[in-house]
Amino acid sequence: MVPLRPWGSGPRLEGSEARDAGGPRIGPIAFDRRELSIILSVYGRLVAAGEWRDYALDFGRERAVFSIFRRASEMPLYRIVKDPALARKQGVYSVIAQGGLILKRGQDLAQVLRVLVRRPRLEAL
């Protein structure tokens, strides 16, 4: 088994190496506790319904991605992306479908995730 280091305990850069492109060094973008709670509540409902089975988290310098899979061996059905660079333009959050189509963008995560929840339909017998 490989021992893991705590997050952010990597090598420290000194002087000019600590800045990217002349600006201050920015750590990886991640979802905070509130955002993960909202995402996992939607995810949990659809796992219970049998539609989704697996997820993956990816934290990068520019954006954080929560990928949703039907099976672990497939490409993600949906990706929930947090990109702070788009905060003043189209919104921090977006939901992207498997083919790359952006389903919804916005500033409010709960509002953006509504595109993933299907409304129940009443059918006559």
Protein backbone atom coordinates (compact mmCIF):
# COMPACT_ATOMS: atom_id res chain seq x y z
CA MET A 1 0.00 0.00 0.00
CA VAL A 2 1.27 3.46 -0.87
CA PRO A 3 1.23 6.08 1.92
CA LEU A 4 -0.55 9.27 0.86
CA ARG A 5 0.54 12.79 1.73
CA PRO A 6 -1.96 15.30 3.11
CA TRP A 7 -3.46 17.63 0.50
CA GLY A 8 -1.29 20.66 -0.13
CA SER A 9 1.83 19.13 1.42
CA GLY A 10 3.73 19.00 -1.86
CA PRO A 11 7.05 20.73 -2.44
CA ARG A 12 7.00 24.48 -1.84
CA LEU A 13 8.26 26.76 -4.59
CA GLU A 14 10.48 29.72 -3.81
CA GLY A 15 10.68 33.20 -5.33
CA SER A 16 9.70 33.58 -8.98
CA GLU A 17 8.76 29.89 -9.25
CA ALA A 18 5.88 30.48 -6.83
CA ARG A 19 4.04 32.62 -9.39
CA ASP A 20 2.37 31.51 -12.60
CA ALA A 21 2.60 33.98 -15.50
CA GLY A 22 3.59 36.82 -13.18
CA GLY A 23 0.52 36.55 -10.94
CA PRO A 24 0.03 35.11 -7.48
CA ARG A 25 0.07 31.34 -7.14
CA ILE A 26 -3.41 29.88 -6.96
CA GLY A 27 -4.04 26.45 -5.44
CA PRO A 28 -6.25 23.82 -6.99
CA ILE A 29 -9.93 24.65 -7.44
CA ALA A 30 -12.20 22.39 -5.37
CA PHE A 31 -15.84 22.07 -4.35
CA ASP A 32 -16.52 23.27 -0.82
CA ARG A 33 -18.63 21.36 1.71
CA ARG A 34 -21.89 23.12 0.80
CA GLU A 35 -21.41 22.49 -2.92
CA LEU A 36 -20.58 18.82 -2.37
CA SER A 37 -23.65 18.45 -0.17
CA ILE A 38 -25.90 19.80 -2.95
CA ILE A 39 -24.24 17.64 -5.62
CA LEU A 40 -24.30 14.46 -3.52
CA SER A 41 -27.98 14.90 -2.61
CA VAL A 42 -28.92 14.90 -6.31
CA TYR A 43 -26.45 12.09 -7.00
CA GLY A 44 -27.83 9.98 -4.13
CA ARG A 45 -31.42 10.27 -5.36
CA LEU A 46 -30.50 9.10 -8.84
CA VAL A 47 -28.29 6.27 -7.54
CA ALA A 48 -31.26 5.08 -5.46
CA ALA A 49 -33.39 5.20 -8.63
CA GLY A 50 -30.80 2.99 -10.37
CA GLU A 51 -29.81 5.50 -13.06
CA TRP A 52 -26.27 6.28 -11.90
CA ARG A 53 -23.65 4.04 -10.32
CA ASP A 54 -20.30 5.79 -9.97
CA TYR A 55 -18.66 9.22 -9.79
CA ALA A 56 -15.21 10.79 -10.00
CA LEU A 57 -13.76 14.04 -8.68
CA ASP A 58 -11.05 15.99 -10.49
CA PHE A 59 -9.48 19.10 -8.93
CA GLY A 60 -7.28 21.18 -11.20
CA ARG A 61 -5.73 24.63 -11.25
CA GLU A 62 -8.46 26.12 -13.44
CA ARG A 63 -11.56 24.11 -12.56
CA ALA A 64 -13.07 21.31 -10.50
CA VAL A 65 -15.11 18.53 -12.14
CA PHE A 66 -17.60 16.06 -10.66
CA SER A 67 -18.14 13.33 -13.29
CA ILE A 68 -21.15 11.00 -13.17
CA PHE A 69 -21.05 7.50 -14.66
CA ARG A 70 -23.63 4.83 -15.39
CA ARG A 71 -20.83 2.24 -15.19
CA ALA A 72 -17.24 2.77 -14.09
CA SER A 73 -15.85 1.61 -17.44
CA GLU A 74 -17.78 4.15 -19.53
CA MET A 75 -17.33 7.82 -20.35
CA PRO A 76 -19.16 10.13 -17.94
CA LEU A 77 -22.85 10.75 -18.60
CA TYR A 78 -22.64 14.23 -17.09
CA ARG A 79 -19.92 16.50 -15.77
CA ILE A 80 -20.62 19.18 -13.18
CA VAL A 81 -17.91 21.81 -13.63
CA LYS A 82 -16.89 24.64 -11.30
CA ASP A 83 -14.83 27.21 -13.25
CA PRO A 84 -14.27 30.45 -11.29
CA ALA A 85 -12.79 32.14 -14.38
CA LEU A 86 -16.33 32.26 -15.85
CA ALA A 87 -17.89 33.80 -12.72
CA ARG A 88 -18.54 37.22 -14.30
CA LYS A 89 -19.37 35.88 -17.75
CA GLN A 90 -21.64 32.83 -17.84
CA GLY A 91 -21.59 31.56 -14.28
CA VAL A 92 -19.26 29.50 -12.15
CA TYR A 93 -21.17 26.20 -12.53
CA SER A 94 -22.11 24.24 -15.62
CA VAL A 95 -23.56 20.82 -16.43
CA ILE A 96 -22.07 19.19 -19.52
CA ALA A 97 -23.58 16.14 -21.24
CA GLN A 98 -21.65 13.15 -22.57
CA GLY A 99 -21.27 14.61 -26.05
CA GLY A 100 -19.91 17.94 -24.76
CA LEU A 101 -23.20 19.86 -24.97
CA ILE A 102 -23.55 22.40 -22.16
CA LEU A 103 -26.99 21.76 -20.67
CA LYS A 104 -27.06 24.64 -18.19
CA ARG A 105 -24.82 27.35 -16.72
CA GLY A 106 -25.28 29.68 -13.81
CA GLN A 107 -24.19 31.17 -10.51
CA ASP A 108 -26.47 29.06 -8.28
CA LEU A 109 -25.47 25.37 -8.12
CA ALA A 110 -28.90 24.13 -7.00
CA GLN A 111 -30.56 25.91 -9.93
CA VAL A 112 -28.02 24.51 -12.42
CA LEU A 113 -28.48 20.94 -11.13
CA ARG A 114 -32.24 21.07 -11.72
CA VAL A 115 -31.54 20.12 -15.33
CA LEU A 116 -30.49 16.64 -14.09
CA VAL A 117 -33.64 15.93 -12.06
CA ARG A 118 -36.57 14.73 -14.12
CA ARG A 119 -40.03 15.72 -13.03
CA PRO A 120 -42.42 12.84 -12.40
CA ARG A 121 -45.17 12.51 -15.01
CA LEU A 122 -48.67 11.32 -14.30
CA GLU A 123 -50.03 8.72 -16.66
CA ALA A 124 -53.61 7.59 -17.03
CA LEU A 125 -54.30 3.88 -16.61
